[in-house]
Amino acid sequence: MKVQEATYKGGYDIHVLFEDGIGGTIHLNDLVETGIFLPLKDPAQFAKVYTTGYSIAWSDQLEIDAATIYAELSGKAPGEVFSSPNAYATN
């Protein structure tokens, strides 16, 4: 699965759309509170989100894997997504 679109929606919310039509808004309030994602607590930095196709990212060091987001938006367990034959995008 490939991320087609990652759009900043305000606050710490991002709308994500996958090539198969699965999409929705993910809320990342907790993510920006600790660790390497702490710089994203600055709303101006958080708003710079983009997609690599295989992740949503803010830089080469700050990204979230597409399969993780897909599992959350589709309601599937991560094991279902990672073991799926469609878990990795092809060009």
PDB file of N, CA and C in Angstrom:
ATOM      1  N   MET A   1       0.829  -1.175   0.000  1.00  0.00           N
ATOM      2  CA  MET A   1       0.000   0.000   0.000  1.00  0.00           C
ATOM      3  C   MET A   1       0.869   1.232   0.000  1.00  0.00           C
ATOM      4  N   LYS A   2       0.461   2.212  -0.763  1.00  0.00           N
ATOM      5  CA  LYS A   2       1.214   3.442  -0.901  1.00  0.00           C
ATOM      6  C   LYS A   2       0.376   4.615  -0.417  1.00  0.00           C
ATOM      7  N   VAL A   3       1.024   5.546   0.281  1.00  0.00           N
ATOM      8  CA  VAL A   3       0.348   6.766   0.709  1.00  0.00           C
ATOM      9  C   VAL A   3       0.294   7.695  -0.494  1.00  0.00           C
ATOM     10  N   GLN A   4      -0.922   8.084  -0.841  1.00  0.00           N
ATOM     11  CA  GLN A   4      -1.121   8.979  -1.967  1.00  0.00           C
ATOM     12  C   GLN A   4      -1.060  10.436  -1.525  1.00  0.00           C
ATOM     13  N   GLU A   5      -1.547  10.681  -0.306  1.00  0.00           N
ATOM     14  CA  GLU A   5      -1.678  12.055   0.157  1.00  0.00           C
ATOM     15  C   GLU A   5      -1.522  12.125   1.671  1.00  0.00           C
ATOM     16  N   ALA A   6      -0.832  13.144   2.146  1.00  0.00           N
ATOM     17  CA  ALA A   6      -0.728  13.447   3.574  1.00  0.00           C
ATOM     18  C   ALA A   6      -0.924  14.950   3.713  1.00  0.00           C
ATOM     19  N   THR A   7      -2.035  15.343   4.338  1.00  0.00           N
ATOM     20  CA  THR A   7      -2.406  16.747   4.405  1.00  0.00           C
ATOM     21  C   THR A   7      -2.550  17.195   5.847  1.00  0.00           C
ATOM     22  N   TYR A   8      -1.845  18.246   6.199  1.00  0.00           N
ATOM     23  CA  TYR A   8      -1.951  18.832   7.535  1.00  0.00           C
ATOM     24  C   TYR A   8      -3.345  19.419   7.707  1.00  0.00           C
ATOM     25  N   LYS A   9      -4.002  19.094   8.828  1.00  0.00           N
ATOM     26  CA  LYS A   9      -5.378  19.547   9.070  1.00  0.00           C
ATOM     27  C   LYS A   9      -5.494  20.537  10.223  1.00  0.00           C
ATOM     28  N   GLY A  10      -4.410  20.821  10.922  1.00  0.00           N
ATOM     29  CA  GLY A  10      -4.462  21.708  12.082  1.00  0.00           C
ATOM     30  C   GLY A  10      -4.149  20.920  13.338  1.00  0.00           C
ATOM     31  N   GLY A  11      -3.708  21.634  14.365  1.00  0.00           N
ATOM     32  CA  GLY A  11      -3.329  20.948  15.598  1.00  0.00           C
ATOM     33  C   GLY A  11      -2.257  19.925  15.295  1.00  0.00           C
ATOM     34  N   TYR A  12      -2.489  18.699  15.728  1.00  0.00           N
ATOM     35  CA  TYR A  12      -1.566  17.596  15.439  1.00  0.00           C
ATOM     36  C   TYR A  12      -2.306  16.514  14.650  1.00  0.00           C
ATOM     37  N   ASP A  13      -3.130  16.948  13.713  1.00  0.00           N
ATOM     38  CA  ASP A  13      -3.935  16.054  12.895  1.00  0.00           C
ATOM     39  C   ASP A  13      -3.466  16.084  11.443  1.00  0.00           C
ATOM     40  N   ILE A  14      -3.433  14.896  10.846  1.00  0.00           N
ATOM     41  CA  ILE A  14      -3.041  14.748   9.448  1.00  0.00           C
ATOM     42  C   ILE A  14      -4.060  13.844   8.761  1.00  0.00           C
ATOM     43  N   HIS A  15      -4.532  14.282   7.617  1.00  0.00           N
ATOM     44  CA  HIS A  15      -5.400  13.424   6.806  1.00  0.00           C
ATOM     45  C   HIS A  15      -4.507  12.631   5.864  1.00  0.00           C
ATOM     46  N   VAL A  16      -4.696  11.305   5.859  1.00  0.00           N
ATOM     47  CA  VAL A  16      -3.873  10.415   5.034  1.00  0.00           C
ATOM     48  C   VAL A  16      -4.791   9.645   4.102  1.00  0.00           C
ATOM     49  N   LEU A  17      -4.408   9.538   2.850  1.00  0.00           N
ATOM     50  CA  LEU A  17      -5.167   8.774   1.862  1.00  0.00           C
ATOM     51  C   LEU A  17      -4.230   7.789   1.187  1.00  0.00           C
ATOM     52  N   PHE A  18      -4.657   6.514   1.150  1.00  0.00           N
ATOM     53  CA  PHE A  18      -3.883   5.466   0.498  1.00  0.00           C
ATOM     54  C   PHE A  18      -4.418   5.219  -0.902  1.00  0.00           C
ATOM     55  N   GLU A  19      -3.600   4.618  -1.734  1.00  0.00           N
ATOM     56  CA  GLU A  19      -3.964   4.402  -3.133  1.00  0.00           C
ATOM     57  C   GLU A  19      -5.175   3.481  -3.305  1.00  0.00           C
ATOM     58  N   ASP A  20      -5.489   2.669  -2.290  1.00  0.00           N
ATOM     59  CA  ASP A  20      -6.657   1.785  -2.387  1.00  0.00           C
ATOM     60  C   ASP A  20      -7.935   2.440  -1.870  1.00  0.00           C
ATOM     61  N   GLY A  21      -7.872   3.729  -1.508  1.00  0.00           N
ATOM     62  CA  GLY A  21      -9.051   4.456  -1.052  1.00  0.00           C
ATOM     63  C   GLY A  21      -9.208   4.518   0.457  1.00  0.00           C
ATOM     64  N   ILE A  22      -8.460   3.707   1.199  1.00  0.00           N
ATOM     65  CA  ILE A  22      -8.503   3.796   2.669  1.00  0.00           C
ATOM     66  C   ILE A  22      -7.907   5.141   3.056  1.00  0.00           C
ATOM     67  N   GLY A  23      -8.592   5.844   3.943  1.00  0.00           N
ATOM     68  CA  GLY A  23      -8.089   7.139   4.364  1.00  0.00           C
ATOM     69  C   GLY A  23      -8.791   7.611   5.618  1.00  0.00           C
ATOM     70  N   GLY A  24      -8.276   8.666   6.171  1.00  0.00           N
ATOM     71  CA  GLY A  24      -8.863   9.267   7.352  1.00  0.00           C
ATOM     72  C   GLY A  24      -7.859  10.167   8.034  1.00  0.00           C
ATOM     73  N   THR A  25      -8.289  10.720   9.143  1.00  0.00           N
ATOM     74  CA  THR A  25      -7.443  11.635   9.895  1.00  0.00           C
ATOM     75  C   THR A  25      -6.806  10.902  11.067  1.00  0.00           C
ATOM     76  N   ILE A  26      -5.505  11.057  11.191  1.00  0.00           N
ATOM     77  CA  ILE A  26      -4.798  10.491  12.336  1.00  0.00           C
ATOM     78  C   ILE A  26      -4.448  11.635  13.286  1.00  0.00           C
ATOM     79  N   HIS A  27      -4.556  11.348  14.562  1.00  0.00           N
ATOM     80  CA  HIS A  27      -4.324  12.323  15.621  1.00  0.00           C
ATOM     81  C   HIS A  27      -3.009  11.954  16.307  1.00  0.00           C
ATOM     82  N   LEU A  28      -2.038  12.841  16.227  1.00  0.00           N
ATOM     83  CA  LEU A  28      -0.699  12.520  16.706  1.00  0.00           C
ATOM     84  C   LEU A  28      -0.279  13.355  17.911  1.00  0.00           C
ATOM     85  N   ASN A  29      -1.252  13.776  18.728  1.00  0.00           N
ATOM     86  CA  ASN A  29      -0.963  14.580  19.919  1.00  0.00           C
ATOM     87  C   ASN A  29       0.070  13.913  20.819  1.00  0.00           C
ATOM     88  N   ASP A  30      -0.092  12.628  21.097  1.00  0.00           N
ATOM     89  CA  ASP A  30       0.824  11.917  21.994  1.00  0.00           C
ATOM     90  C   ASP A  30       2.217  11.764  21.382  1.00  0.00           C
ATOM     91  N   LEU A  31       2.278  11.625  20.075  1.00  0.00           N
ATOM     92  CA  LEU A  31       3.551  11.404  19.395  1.00  0.00           C
ATOM     93  C   LEU A  31       4.538  12.547  19.624  1.00  0.00           C
ATOM     94  N   VAL A  32       4.039  13.773  19.640  1.00  0.00           N
ATOM     95  CA  VAL A  32       4.925  14.942  19.718  1.00  0.00           C
ATOM     96  C   VAL A  32       5.386  15.254  21.136  1.00  0.00           C
ATOM     97  N   GLU A  33       5.012  14.439  22.090  1.00  0.00           N
ATOM     98  CA  GLU A  33       5.334  14.710  23.492  1.00  0.00           C
ATOM     99  C   GLU A  33       6.682  14.173  23.949  1.00  0.00           C
ATOM    100  N   THR A  34       7.271  13.231  23.210  1.00  0.00           N
ATOM    101  CA  THR A  34       8.518  12.613  23.673  1.00  0.00           C
ATOM    102  C   THR A  34       9.418  12.207  22.522  1.00  0.00           C
ATOM    103  N   GLY A  35      10.635  11.889  22.874  1.00  0.00           N
ATOM    104  CA  GLY A  35      11.583  11.265  21.955  1.00  0.00           C
ATOM    105  C   GLY A  35      11.949  12.110  20.753  1.00  0.00           C
ATOM    106  N   ILE A  36      12.241  11.419  19.668  1.00  0.00           N
ATOM    107  CA  ILE A  36      12.725  12.104  18.473  1.00  0.00           C
ATOM    108  C   ILE A  36      11.664  13.000  17.830  1.00  0.00           C
ATOM    109  N   PHE A  37      10.398  12.778  18.156  1.00  0.00           N
ATOM    110  CA  PHE A  37       9.324  13.576  17.570  1.00  0.00           C
ATOM    111  C   PHE A  37       9.058  14.880  18.324  1.00  0.00           C
ATOM    112  N   LEU A  38       9.734  15.110  19.428  1.00  0.00           N
ATOM    113  CA  LEU A  38       9.535  16.313  20.234  1.00  0.00           C
ATOM    114  C   LEU A  38       9.655  17.611  19.425  1.00  0.00           C
ATOM    115  N   PRO A  39      10.565  17.730  18.463  1.00  0.00           N
ATOM    116  CA  PRO A  39      10.625  18.975  17.671  1.00  0.00           C
ATOM    117  C   PRO A  39       9.321  19.288  16.925  1.00  0.00           C
ATOM    118  N   LEU A  40       8.497  18.259  16.695  1.00  0.00           N
ATOM    119  CA  LEU A  40       7.237  18.472  15.982  1.00  0.00           C
ATOM    120  C   LEU A  40       6.164  19.097  16.865  1.00  0.00           C
ATOM    121  N   LYS A  41       6.466  19.308  18.124  1.00  0.00           N
ATOM    122  CA  LYS A  41       5.533  19.996  19.010  1.00  0.00           C
ATOM    123  C   LYS A  41       5.318  21.437  18.523  1.00  0.00           C
ATOM    124  N   ASP A  42       6.300  21.967  17.803  1.00  0.00           N
ATOM    125  CA  ASP A  42       6.164  23.282  17.165  1.00  0.00           C
ATOM    126  C   ASP A  42       5.199  23.126  15.987  1.00  0.00           C
ATOM    127  N   PRO A  43       4.025  23.769  16.048  1.00  0.00           N
ATOM    128  CA  PRO A  43       3.034  23.600  14.976  1.00  0.00           C
ATOM    129  C   PRO A  43       3.563  23.927  13.582  1.00  0.00           C
ATOM    130  N   ALA A  44       4.460  24.889  13.476  1.00  0.00           N
ATOM    131  CA  ALA A  44       5.018  25.238  12.165  1.00  0.00           C
ATOM    132  C   ALA A  44       5.827  24.075  11.589  1.00  0.00           C
ATOM    133  N   GLN A  45       6.543  23.347  12.438  1.00  0.00           N
ATOM    134  CA  GLN A  45       7.304  22.176  11.989  1.00  0.00           C
ATOM    135  C   GLN A  45       6.368  21.019  11.658  1.00  0.00           C
ATOM    136  N   PHE A  46       5.360  20.799  12.515  1.00  0.00           N
ATOM    137  CA  PHE A  46       4.418  19.703  12.303  1.00  0.00           C
ATOM    138  C   PHE A  46       3.677  19.872  10.971  1.00  0.00           C
ATOM    139  N   ALA A  47       3.363  21.104  10.627  1.00  0.00           N
ATOM    140  CA  ALA A  47       2.606  21.389   9.401  1.00  0.00           C
ATOM    141  C   ALA A  47       3.380  21.054   8.129  1.00  0.00           C
ATOM    142  N   LYS A  48       4.674  20.817   8.232  1.00  0.00           N
ATOM    143  CA  LYS A  48       5.516  20.526   7.062  1.00  0.00           C
ATOM    144  C   LYS A  48       5.467  19.061   6.640  1.00  0.00           C
ATOM    145  N   VAL A  49       4.475  18.320   7.097  1.00  0.00           N
ATOM    146  CA  VAL A  49       4.345  16.903   6.770  1.00  0.00           C
ATOM    147  C   VAL A  49       4.250  16.694   5.258  1.00  0.00           C
ATOM    148  N   TYR A  50       4.826  15.596   4.801  1.00  0.00           N
ATOM    149  CA  TYR A  50       4.736  15.195   3.399  1.00  0.00           C
ATOM    150  C   TYR A  50       4.743  13.669   3.334  1.00  0.00           C
ATOM    151  N   THR A  51       4.495  13.123   2.174  1.00  0.00           N
ATOM    152  CA  THR A  51       4.552  11.677   2.020  1.00  0.00           C
ATOM    153  C   THR A  51       5.717  11.281   1.128  1.00  0.00           C
ATOM    154  N   THR A  52       6.336  10.182   1.482  1.00  0.00           N
ATOM    155  CA  THR A  52       7.372   9.585   0.632  1.00  0.00           C
ATOM    156  C   THR A  52       6.765   8.495  -0.247  1.00  0.00           C
ATOM    157  N   GLY A  53       5.489   8.222  -0.019  1.00  0.00           N
ATOM    158  CA  GLY A  53       4.820   7.101  -0.675  1.00  0.00           C
ATOM    159  C   GLY A  53       4.771   5.902   0.250  1.00  0.00           C
ATOM    160  N   TYR A  54       5.832   5.715   1.020  1.00  0.00           N
ATOM    161  CA  TYR A  54       5.927   4.576   1.928  1.00  0.00           C
ATOM    162  C   TYR A  54       5.841   4.995   3.391  1.00  0.00           C
ATOM    163  N   SER A  55       5.710   6.312   3.610  1.00  0.00           N
ATOM    164  CA  SER A  55       5.598   6.843   4.971  1.00  0.00           C
ATOM    165  C   SER A  55       5.023   8.244   4.897  1.00  0.00           C
ATOM    166  N   ILE A  56       4.680   8.776   6.076  1.00  0.00           N
ATOM    167  CA  ILE A  56       4.497  10.217   6.188  1.00  0.00           C
ATOM    168  C   ILE A  56       5.733  10.710   6.923  1.00  0.00           C
ATOM    169  N   ALA A  57       6.213  11.875   6.541  1.00  0.00           N
ATOM    170  CA  ALA A  57       7.507  12.316   7.050  1.00  0.00           C
ATOM    171  C   ALA A  57       7.536  13.819   7.246  1.00  0.00           C
ATOM    172  N   TRP A  58       8.511  14.226   8.029  1.00  0.00           N
ATOM    173  CA  TRP A  58       8.817  15.635   8.249  1.00  0.00           C
ATOM    174  C   TRP A  58      10.270  15.907   7.881  1.00  0.00           C
ATOM    175  N   SER A  59      11.069  14.868   7.822  1.00  0.00           N
ATOM    176  CA  SER A  59      12.474  14.935   7.420  1.00  0.00           C
ATOM    177  C   SER A  59      12.938  13.507   7.169  1.00  0.00           C
ATOM    178  N   ASP A  60      14.201  13.348   6.804  1.00  0.00           N
ATOM    179  CA  ASP A  60      14.742  12.001   6.601  1.00  0.00           C
ATOM    180  C   ASP A  60      14.781  11.196   7.896  1.00  0.00           C
ATOM    181  N   GLN A  61      14.841  11.881   9.029  1.00  0.00           N
ATOM    182  CA  GLN A  61      14.931  11.199  10.323  1.00  0.00           C
ATOM    183  C   GLN A  61      13.581  11.033  11.019  1.00  0.00           C
ATOM    184  N   LEU A  62      12.583  11.812  10.622  1.00  0.00           N
ATOM    185  CA  LEU A  62      11.282  11.785  11.303  1.00  0.00           C
ATOM    186  C   LEU A  62      10.202  11.325  10.336  1.00  0.00           C
ATOM    187  N   GLU A  63       9.817  10.053  10.484  1.00  0.00           N
ATOM    188  CA  GLU A  63       8.769   9.515   9.624  1.00  0.00           C
ATOM    189  C   GLU A  63       8.034   8.376  10.321  1.00  0.00           C
ATOM    190  N   ILE A  64       6.831   8.122   9.823  1.00  0.00           N
ATOM    191  CA  ILE A  64       6.008   7.021  10.333  1.00  0.00           C
ATOM    192  C   ILE A  64       5.693   6.120   9.145  1.00  0.00           C
ATOM    193  N   ASP A  65       5.957   4.840   9.302  1.00  0.00           N
ATOM    194  CA  ASP A  65       5.759   3.847   8.252  1.00  0.00           C
ATOM    195  C   ASP A  65       4.294   3.788   7.807  1.00  0.00           C
ATOM    196  N   ALA A  66       4.076   3.651   6.512  1.00  0.00           N
ATOM    197  CA  ALA A  66       2.735   3.594   5.946  1.00  0.00           C
ATOM    198  C   ALA A  66       1.904   2.437   6.503  1.00  0.00           C
ATOM    199  N   ALA A  67       2.527   1.291   6.731  1.00  0.00           N
ATOM    200  CA  ALA A  67       1.782   0.128   7.233  1.00  0.00           C
ATOM    201  C   ALA A  67       1.207   0.393   8.621  1.00  0.00           C
ATOM    202  N   THR A  68       1.925   1.131   9.449  1.00  0.00           N
ATOM    203  CA  THR A  68       1.440   1.470  10.781  1.00  0.00           C
ATOM    204  C   THR A  68       0.198   2.354  10.689  1.00  0.00           C
ATOM    205  N   ILE A  69       0.243   3.338   9.812  1.00  0.00           N
ATOM    206  CA  ILE A  69      -0.892   4.241   9.626  1.00  0.00           C
ATOM    207  C   ILE A  69      -2.069   3.483   9.015  1.00  0.00           C
ATOM    208  N   TYR A  70      -1.777   2.642   8.046  1.00  0.00           N
ATOM    209  CA  TYR A  70      -2.817   1.862   7.381  1.00  0.00           C
ATOM    210  C   TYR A  70      -3.562   0.987   8.387  1.00  0.00           C
ATOM    211  N   ALA A  71      -2.822   0.351   9.280  1.00  0.00           N
ATOM    212  CA  ALA A  71      -3.449  -0.498  10.301  1.00  0.00           C
ATOM    213  C   ALA A  71      -4.397   0.324  11.163  1.00  0.00           C
ATOM    214  N   GLU A  72      -3.971   1.510  11.570  1.00  0.00           N
ATOM    215  CA  GLU A  72      -4.823   2.348  12.411  1.00  0.00           C
ATOM    216  C   GLU A  72      -6.080   2.793  11.666  1.00  0.00           C
ATOM    217  N   LEU A  73      -5.939   3.230  10.434  1.00  0.00           N
ATOM    218  CA  LEU A  73      -7.090   3.741   9.687  1.00  0.00           C
ATOM    219  C   LEU A  73      -8.037   2.650   9.216  1.00  0.00           C
ATOM    220  N   SER A  74      -7.523   1.471   8.943  1.00  0.00           N
ATOM    221  CA  SER A  74      -8.367   0.385   8.440  1.00  0.00           C
ATOM    222  C   SER A  74      -9.002  -0.436   9.561  1.00  0.00           C
ATOM    223  N   GLY A  75      -8.494  -0.240  10.794  1.00  0.00           N
ATOM    224  CA  GLY A  75      -9.011  -1.025  11.916  1.00  0.00           C
ATOM    225  C   GLY A  75      -8.432  -2.428  11.979  1.00  0.00           C
ATOM    226  N   LYS A  76      -7.434  -2.698  11.170  1.00  0.00           N
ATOM    227  CA  LYS A  76      -6.797  -4.013  11.182  1.00  0.00           C
ATOM    228  C   LYS A  76      -5.691  -4.039  12.220  1.00  0.00           C
ATOM    229  N   ALA A  77      -5.409  -5.217  12.713  1.00  0.00           N
ATOM    230  CA  ALA A  77      -4.272  -5.393  13.610  1.00  0.00           C
ATOM    231  C   ALA A  77      -2.995  -5.246  12.784  1.00  0.00           C
ATOM    232  N   PRO A  78      -1.932  -4.690  13.366  1.00  0.00           N
ATOM    233  CA  PRO A  78      -0.687  -4.549  12.604  1.00  0.00           C
ATOM    234  C   PRO A  78      -0.218  -5.847  11.961  1.00  0.00           C
ATOM    235  N   GLY A  79      -0.397  -6.974  12.627  1.00  0.00           N
ATOM    236  CA  GLY A  79       0.012  -8.254  12.061  1.00  0.00           C
ATOM    237  C   GLY A  79      -0.727  -8.588  10.774  1.00  0.00           C
ATOM    238  N   GLU A  80      -1.993  -8.161  10.681  1.00  0.00           N
ATOM    239  CA  GLU A  80      -2.757  -8.392   9.456  1.00  0.00           C
ATOM    240  C   GLU A  80      -2.204  -7.580   8.292  1.00  0.00           C
ATOM    241  N   VAL A  81      -1.810  -6.365   8.575  1.00  0.00           N
ATOM    242  CA  VAL A  81      -1.288  -5.485   7.529  1.00  0.00           C
ATOM    243  C   VAL A  81       0.100  -5.937   7.105  1.00  0.00           C
ATOM    244  N   PHE A  82       0.961  -6.216   8.082  1.00  0.00           N
ATOM    245  CA  PHE A  82       2.339  -6.588   7.761  1.00  0.00           C
ATOM    246  C   PHE A  82       2.434  -7.947   7.092  1.00  0.00           C
ATOM    247  N   SER A  83       1.490  -8.843   7.339  1.00  0.00           N
ATOM    248  CA  SER A  83       1.544 -10.158   6.718  1.00  0.00           C
ATOM    249  C   SER A  83       0.775 -10.219   5.405  1.00  0.00           C
ATOM    250  N   SER A  84       0.080  -9.139   5.072  1.00  0.00           N
ATOM    251  CA  SER A  84      -0.692  -9.085   3.842  1.00  0.00           C
ATOM    252  C   SER A  84       0.237  -9.053   2.633  1.00  0.00           C
ATOM    253  N   PRO A  85      -0.149  -9.691   1.541  1.00  0.00           N
ATOM    254  CA  PRO A  85       0.684  -9.604   0.338  1.00  0.00           C
ATOM    255  C   PRO A  85       0.743  -8.189  -0.218  1.00  0.00           C
ATOM    256  N   ASN A  86      -0.174  -7.314   0.207  1.00  0.00           N
ATOM    257  CA  ASN A  86      -0.191  -5.934  -0.249  1.00  0.00           C
ATOM    258  C   ASN A  86       0.473  -4.991   0.739  1.00  0.00           C
ATOM    259  N   ALA A  87       1.209  -5.508   1.704  1.00  0.00           N
ATOM    260  CA  ALA A  87       1.783  -4.684   2.758  1.00  0.00           C
ATOM    261  C   ALA A  87       2.866  -3.750   2.252  1.00  0.00           C
ATOM    262  N   TYR A  88       3.483  -4.085   1.150  1.00  0.00           N
ATOM    263  CA  TYR A  88       4.544  -3.243   0.637  1.00  0.00           C
ATOM    264  C   TYR A  88       4.160  -2.766  -0.758  1.00  0.00           C
ATOM    265  N   ALA A  89       4.309  -1.500  -0.984  1.00  0.00           N
ATOM    266  CA  ALA A  89       3.939  -0.913  -2.259  1.00  0.00           C
ATOM    267  C   ALA A  89       4.919  -1.338  -3.353  1.00  0.00           C
ATOM    268  N   THR A  90       4.411  -1.370  -4.537  1.00  0.00           N
ATOM    269  CA  THR A  90       5.268  -1.622  -5.688  1.00  0.00           C
ATOM    270  C   THR A  90       5.152  -0.429  -6.609  1.00  0.00           C
ATOM    271  N   ASN A  91       6.139  -0.213  -7.379  1.00  0.00           N
ATOM    272  CA  ASN A  91       6.122   0.935  -8.313  1.00  0.00           C
ATOM    273  C   ASN A  91       5.505   0.538  -9.626  1.00  0.00           C
TER     274      ASN A  91
END
